[in-house]
């Protein structure tokens, strides 16, 4: 069970051939604090909420945030917030942090957690390019306001780490957490 409505996470699991059912867990998410703790706690909240409804299933919760300096950049609330976030990231390095939490059947009291980090370098982008990207609408429902796998690739100069973490699901961390997931049958 994937406690997410993210089409990117669904696509990654599908690409790997991992059978799953997506069932969003609408929970109150933290937005401030230590970035690793925020990401893991949000993932934990999602996983435990769904595990309470599906105690027979292995449940995965994931939360991805963008960290610039000491600030956490989640999903922008509107186009102005997206533009401000992207302008802050322009020409700078930031870190994409994903928290993962897995709950195995009957083990809600012992959730498994992991954290992944990817360094992303943004290009220097001018106002015209920022306007172009914001107008695409691709920033909606995206941590940091961009999608590296889409038009947002035009904003990125390079990365150091797991590309799929930036997309929304760090596969290496997932497979460390639940190595048996590759061999699951639907």
C-alpha atoms as a PDB file:
ATOM      1  CA  UNK A   1       0.000   0.000   0.000  1.00  0.00           C
ATOM      2  CA  UNK A   2       1.342   3.415  -0.978  1.00  0.00           C
ATOM      3  CA  UNK A   3       0.069   6.177   1.307  1.00  0.00           C
ATOM      4  CA  UNK A   4       0.306   8.819  -1.409  1.00  0.00           C
ATOM      5  CA  UNK A   5      -1.560  10.395  -4.278  1.00  0.00           C
ATOM      6  CA  UNK A   6       1.697  11.275  -6.067  1.00  0.00           C
ATOM      7  CA  UNK A   7       1.651  10.206  -9.719  1.00  0.00           C
ATOM      8  CA  UNK A   8       5.464  10.287  -9.679  1.00  0.00           C
ATOM      9  CA  UNK A   9       5.682   7.754  -6.846  1.00  0.00           C
ATOM     10  CA  UNK A  10       3.156   5.519  -8.577  1.00  0.00           C
ATOM     11  CA  UNK A  11       5.138   5.738 -11.827  1.00  0.00           C
ATOM     12  CA  UNK A  12       8.397   4.780 -10.108  1.00  0.00           C
ATOM     13  CA  UNK A  13       6.863   1.732  -8.407  1.00  0.00           C
ATOM     14  CA  UNK A  14       5.244   0.722 -11.700  1.00  0.00           C
ATOM     15  CA  UNK A  15       8.563   1.164 -13.534  1.00  0.00           C
ATOM     16  CA  UNK A  16      10.169  -1.232 -11.046  1.00  0.00           C
ATOM     17  CA  UNK A  17       7.341  -3.752 -11.459  1.00  0.00           C
ATOM     18  CA  UNK A  18       6.367  -3.531  -7.800  1.00  0.00           C
ATOM     19  CA  UNK A  19       2.679  -4.317  -7.249  1.00  0.00           C
ATOM     20  CA  UNK A  20       0.934  -1.755  -5.071  1.00  0.00           C
ATOM     21  CA  UNK A  21      -2.314  -0.014  -4.344  1.00  0.00           C
ATOM     22  CA  UNK A  22      -2.266   3.758  -3.841  1.00  0.00           C
ATOM     23  CA  UNK A  23      -4.436   5.107  -1.070  1.00  0.00           C
ATOM     24  CA  UNK A  24      -3.746   8.705  -0.002  1.00  0.00           C
ATOM     25  CA  UNK A  25      -3.485   9.324   3.715  1.00  0.00           C
ATOM     26  CA  UNK A  26      -4.595  12.871   4.352  1.00  0.00           C
ATOM     27  CA  UNK A  27      -2.775  13.867   7.534  1.00  0.00           C
ATOM     28  CA  UNK A  28      -1.598  17.120   9.017  1.00  0.00           C
ATOM     29  CA  UNK A  29       2.010  17.577   7.935  1.00  0.00           C
ATOM     30  CA  UNK A  30       4.812  19.367   9.732  1.00  0.00           C
ATOM     31  CA  UNK A  31       6.334  22.301   7.862  1.00  0.00           C
ATOM     32  CA  UNK A  32       8.984  23.545  10.314  1.00  0.00           C
ATOM     33  CA  UNK A  33      11.857  21.971  12.197  1.00  0.00           C
ATOM     34  CA  UNK A  34      14.871  19.843  11.430  1.00  0.00           C
ATOM     35  CA  UNK A  35      14.423  18.845   7.756  1.00  0.00           C
ATOM     36  CA  UNK A  36      15.221  15.144   8.265  1.00  0.00           C
ATOM     37  CA  UNK A  37      12.898  14.920  11.246  1.00  0.00           C
ATOM     38  CA  UNK A  38      10.125  16.773   9.381  1.00  0.00           C
ATOM     39  CA  UNK A  39      10.359  14.485   6.334  1.00  0.00           C
ATOM     40  CA  UNK A  40      10.471  11.284   8.397  1.00  0.00           C
ATOM     41  CA  UNK A  41       7.668  12.389  10.731  1.00  0.00           C
ATOM     42  CA  UNK A  42       5.410  13.303   7.806  1.00  0.00           C
ATOM     43  CA  UNK A  43       6.128   9.938   6.165  1.00  0.00           C
ATOM     44  CA  UNK A  44       5.445   8.200   9.482  1.00  0.00           C
ATOM     45  CA  UNK A  45       2.117   9.995   9.903  1.00  0.00           C
ATOM     46  CA  UNK A  46       1.030   8.941   6.422  1.00  0.00           C
ATOM     47  CA  UNK A  47       2.113   5.326   6.852  1.00  0.00           C
ATOM     48  CA  UNK A  48       0.524   4.899  10.285  1.00  0.00           C
ATOM     49  CA  UNK A  49      -2.748   6.515   9.186  1.00  0.00           C
ATOM     50  CA  UNK A  50      -3.096   4.061   6.315  1.00  0.00           C
ATOM     51  CA  UNK A  51      -1.803   1.107   8.358  1.00  0.00           C
ATOM     52  CA  UNK A  52      -4.604   1.725  10.859  1.00  0.00           C
ATOM     53  CA  UNK A  53      -7.089   1.190   8.015  1.00  0.00           C
ATOM     54  CA  UNK A  54      -5.131  -1.668   6.395  1.00  0.00           C
ATOM     55  CA  UNK A  55      -3.360  -3.606   9.178  1.00  0.00           C
ATOM     56  CA  UNK A  56      -3.038  -6.606   6.836  1.00  0.00           C
ATOM     57  CA  UNK A  57      -0.805  -4.781   4.355  1.00  0.00           C
ATOM     58  CA  UNK A  58       2.718  -3.453   4.154  1.00  0.00           C
ATOM     59  CA  UNK A  59       2.295   0.318   3.989  1.00  0.00           C
ATOM     60  CA  UNK A  60       4.767   2.876   2.654  1.00  0.00           C
ATOM     61  CA  UNK A  61       4.633   6.571   3.505  1.00  0.00           C
ATOM     62  CA  UNK A  62       6.951   9.070   1.826  1.00  0.00           C
ATOM     63  CA  UNK A  63       7.474  12.801   2.238  1.00  0.00           C
ATOM     64  CA  UNK A  64       9.774  14.935   0.108  1.00  0.00           C
ATOM     65  CA  UNK A  65      10.907  18.462   0.942  1.00  0.00           C
ATOM     66  CA  UNK A  66      13.373  20.934  -0.505  1.00  0.00           C
ATOM     67  CA  UNK A  67      15.886  22.521   1.867  1.00  0.00           C
ATOM     68  CA  UNK A  68      17.707  25.762   1.099  1.00  0.00           C
ATOM     69  CA  UNK A  69      19.976  26.863   3.936  1.00  0.00           C
ATOM     70  CA  UNK A  70      17.842  26.510   7.051  1.00  0.00           C
ATOM     71  CA  UNK A  71      14.527  26.874   5.216  1.00  0.00           C
ATOM     72  CA  UNK A  72      12.145  24.129   4.181  1.00  0.00           C
ATOM     73  CA  UNK A  73      10.327  24.617   0.895  1.00  0.00           C
ATOM     74  CA  UNK A  74       7.311  22.389   0.538  1.00  0.00           C
ATOM     75  CA  UNK A  75       4.615  22.659  -2.094  1.00  0.00           C
ATOM     76  CA  UNK A  76       3.941  26.290  -3.086  1.00  0.00           C
ATOM     77  CA  UNK A  77       0.400  27.432  -2.324  1.00  0.00           C
ATOM     78  CA  UNK A  78       0.001  29.520  -5.469  1.00  0.00           C
ATOM     79  CA  UNK A  79       1.864  30.898  -8.501  1.00  0.00           C
ATOM     80  CA  UNK A  80       3.366  33.809  -6.544  1.00  0.00           C
ATOM     81  CA  UNK A  81       4.736  31.435  -3.908  1.00  0.00           C
ATOM     82  CA  UNK A  82       6.098  29.162  -6.654  1.00  0.00           C
ATOM     83  CA  UNK A  83       7.868  32.065  -8.336  1.00  0.00           C
ATOM     84  CA  UNK A  84       9.344  33.244  -5.021  1.00  0.00           C
ATOM     85  CA  UNK A  85      10.598  29.730  -4.214  1.00  0.00           C
ATOM     86  CA  UNK A  86      12.121  29.227  -7.652  1.00  0.00           C
ATOM     87  CA  UNK A  87      13.761  32.678  -7.524  1.00  0.00           C
ATOM     88  CA  UNK A  88      15.298  31.753  -4.157  1.00  0.00           C
ATOM     89  CA  UNK A  89      16.649  28.470  -5.597  1.00  0.00           C
ATOM     90  CA  UNK A  90      18.013  30.054  -8.805  1.00  0.00           C
ATOM     91  CA  UNK A  91      21.784  29.885  -9.099  1.00  0.00           C
ATOM     92  CA  UNK A  92      22.122  28.015  -5.811  1.00  0.00           C
ATOM     93  CA  UNK A  93      22.458  24.517  -4.399  1.00  0.00           C
ATOM     94  CA  UNK A  94      19.662  22.975  -2.381  1.00  0.00           C
ATOM     95  CA  UNK A  95      19.022  19.559  -0.886  1.00  0.00           C
ATOM     96  CA  UNK A  96      16.029  17.357  -1.607  1.00  0.00           C
ATOM     97  CA  UNK A  97      15.248  15.340   1.518  1.00  0.00           C
ATOM     98  CA  UNK A  98      12.842  12.413   1.475  1.00  0.00           C
ATOM     99  CA  UNK A  99      11.649  10.581   4.542  1.00  0.00           C
ATOM    100  CA  UNK A 100      10.308   7.054   4.173  1.00  0.00           C
ATOM    101  CA  UNK A 101       8.325   5.009   6.645  1.00  0.00           C
ATOM    102  CA  UNK A 102       7.238   1.407   6.178  1.00  0.00           C
ATOM    103  CA  UNK A 103       4.814  -0.460   8.397  1.00  0.00           C
ATOM    104  CA  UNK A 104       4.640  -4.214   8.003  1.00  0.00           C
ATOM    105  CA  UNK A 105       1.433  -6.140   8.766  1.00  0.00           C
ATOM    106  CA  UNK A 106       0.771  -6.243  12.477  1.00  0.00           C
ATOM    107  CA  UNK A 107       3.840  -4.129  13.270  1.00  0.00           C
ATOM    108  CA  UNK A 108       2.476  -0.580  13.584  1.00  0.00           C
ATOM    109  CA  UNK A 109       4.385  -0.213  16.843  1.00  0.00           C
ATOM    110  CA  UNK A 110       7.731  -0.781  15.063  1.00  0.00           C
ATOM    111  CA  UNK A 111       7.718   1.280  11.847  1.00  0.00           C
ATOM    112  CA  UNK A 112      10.879   1.260   9.743  1.00  0.00           C
ATOM    113  CA  UNK A 113      12.259   4.620   8.622  1.00  0.00           C
ATOM    114  CA  UNK A 114      14.910   5.943   6.259  1.00  0.00           C
ATOM    115  CA  UNK A 115      16.081   9.282   4.877  1.00  0.00           C
ATOM    116  CA  UNK A 116      17.555  10.153   1.480  1.00  0.00           C
ATOM    117  CA  UNK A 117      19.374  13.321   0.392  1.00  0.00           C
ATOM    118  CA  UNK A 118      20.145  14.615  -3.083  1.00  0.00           C
ATOM    119  CA  UNK A 119      22.054  17.821  -3.783  1.00  0.00           C
ATOM    120  CA  UNK A 120      20.534  19.821  -6.657  1.00  0.00           C
ATOM    121  CA  UNK A 121      22.259  22.742  -8.372  1.00  0.00           C
ATOM    122  CA  UNK A 122      19.964  25.221 -10.065  1.00  0.00           C
ATOM    123  CA  UNK A 123      21.048  27.287 -13.039  1.00  0.00           C
ATOM    124  CA  UNK A 124      21.018  31.055 -12.839  1.00  0.00           C
ATOM    125  CA  UNK A 125      17.646  31.810 -14.377  1.00  0.00           C
ATOM    126  CA  UNK A 126      16.281  35.157 -15.435  1.00  0.00           C
ATOM    127  CA  UNK A 127      12.823  36.577 -14.785  1.00  0.00           C
ATOM    128  CA  UNK A 128      11.623  35.545 -18.237  1.00  0.00           C
ATOM    129  CA  UNK A 129      12.555  31.897 -17.594  1.00  0.00           C
ATOM    130  CA  UNK A 130      10.933  31.968 -14.156  1.00  0.00           C
ATOM    131  CA  UNK A 131       7.757  33.394 -15.687  1.00  0.00           C
ATOM    132  CA  UNK A 132       7.806  30.715 -18.389  1.00  0.00           C
ATOM    133  CA  UNK A 133       8.126  27.921 -15.841  1.00  0.00           C
ATOM    134  CA  UNK A 134       5.495  29.255 -13.462  1.00  0.00           C
ATOM    135  CA  UNK A 135       3.090  29.640 -16.400  1.00  0.00           C
ATOM    136  CA  UNK A 136       3.473  25.911 -17.189  1.00  0.00           C
ATOM    137  CA  UNK A 137       1.666  25.135 -13.929  1.00  0.00           C
ATOM    138  CA  UNK A 138       4.034  22.213 -13.408  1.00  0.00           C
ATOM    139  CA  UNK A 139       4.983  23.608  -9.989  1.00  0.00           C
ATOM    140  CA  UNK A 140       1.635  22.550  -8.504  1.00  0.00           C
ATOM    141  CA  UNK A 141       1.867  19.819  -5.845  1.00  0.00           C
ATOM    142  CA  UNK A 142       5.689  19.731  -6.128  1.00  0.00           C
ATOM    143  CA  UNK A 143       8.116  20.178  -3.271  1.00  0.00           C
ATOM    144  CA  UNK A 144      10.229  23.221  -4.088  1.00  0.00           C
ATOM    145  CA  UNK A 145       7.869  24.117  -6.913  1.00  0.00           C
ATOM    146  CA  UNK A 146       9.541  22.181  -9.722  1.00  0.00           C
ATOM    147  CA  UNK A 147       9.493  18.814 -11.457  1.00  0.00           C
ATOM    148  CA  UNK A 148      12.975  17.697 -12.529  1.00  0.00           C
ATOM    149  CA  UNK A 149      11.460  14.976 -14.728  1.00  0.00           C
ATOM    150  CA  UNK A 150       9.470  17.557 -16.689  1.00  0.00           C
ATOM    151  CA  UNK A 151      10.009  21.113 -17.854  1.00  0.00           C
ATOM    152  CA  UNK A 152      11.727  21.797 -14.533  1.00  0.00           C
ATOM    153  CA  UNK A 153      14.801  20.088 -15.982  1.00  0.00           C
ATOM    154  CA  UNK A 154      15.468  23.431 -17.697  1.00  0.00           C
ATOM    155  CA  UNK A 155      16.144  24.954 -14.259  1.00  0.00           C
ATOM    156  CA  UNK A 156      18.657  22.328 -13.109  1.00  0.00           C
ATOM    157  CA  UNK A 157      22.411  22.480 -13.738  1.00  0.00           C
ATOM    158  CA  UNK A 158      23.154  19.135 -12.080  1.00  0.00           C
ATOM    159  CA  UNK A 159      22.592  16.792  -9.172  1.00  0.00           C
ATOM    160  CA  UNK A 160      24.661  14.718  -6.775  1.00  0.00           C
ATOM    161  CA  UNK A 161      22.718  11.714  -5.508  1.00  0.00           C
ATOM    162  CA  UNK A 162      19.596   9.753  -6.349  1.00  0.00           C
ATOM    163  CA  UNK A 163      17.723  11.338  -9.277  1.00  0.00           C
ATOM    164  CA  UNK A 164      14.543   9.454  -8.369  1.00  0.00           C
ATOM    165  CA  UNK A 165      14.667  11.054  -4.917  1.00  0.00           C
ATOM    166  CA  UNK A 166      14.219  14.419  -6.624  1.00  0.00           C
ATOM    167  CA  UNK A 167      11.336  12.968  -8.638  1.00  0.00           C
ATOM    168  CA  UNK A 168       9.705  11.822  -5.380  1.00  0.00           C
ATOM    169  CA  UNK A 169      10.736   8.297  -4.352  1.00  0.00           C
ATOM    170  CA  UNK A 170      14.346   7.398  -3.507  1.00  0.00           C
ATOM    171  CA  UNK A 171      14.639   3.860  -4.820  1.00  0.00           C
ATOM    172  CA  UNK A 172      17.941   3.019  -3.147  1.00  0.00           C
ATOM    173  CA  UNK A 173      16.574   4.009   0.280  1.00  0.00           C
ATOM    174  CA  UNK A 174      13.316   2.161  -0.420  1.00  0.00           C
ATOM    175  CA  UNK A 175      15.158  -1.050  -1.277  1.00  0.00           C
ATOM    176  CA  UNK A 176      17.329  -0.767   1.844  1.00  0.00           C
ATOM    177  CA  UNK A 177      14.163  -0.377   3.908  1.00  0.00           C
ATOM    178  CA  UNK A 178      12.101  -3.092   2.180  1.00  0.00           C
ATOM    179  CA  UNK A 179      14.458  -5.295   0.127  1.00  0.00           C
ATOM    180  CA  UNK A 180      11.743  -7.908  -0.382  1.00  0.00           C
ATOM    181  CA  UNK A 181       9.532  -5.416  -2.236  1.00  0.00           C
ATOM    182  CA  UNK A 182      11.132  -6.259  -5.598  1.00  0.00           C
ATOM    183  CA  UNK A 183       9.987  -9.842  -5.262  1.00  0.00           C
ATOM    184  CA  UNK A 184       6.435  -9.158  -4.108  1.00  0.00           C
ATOM    185  CA  UNK A 185       3.569 -10.652  -6.062  1.00  0.00           C
ATOM    186  CA  UNK A 186       0.242  -8.949  -6.520  1.00  0.00           C
END
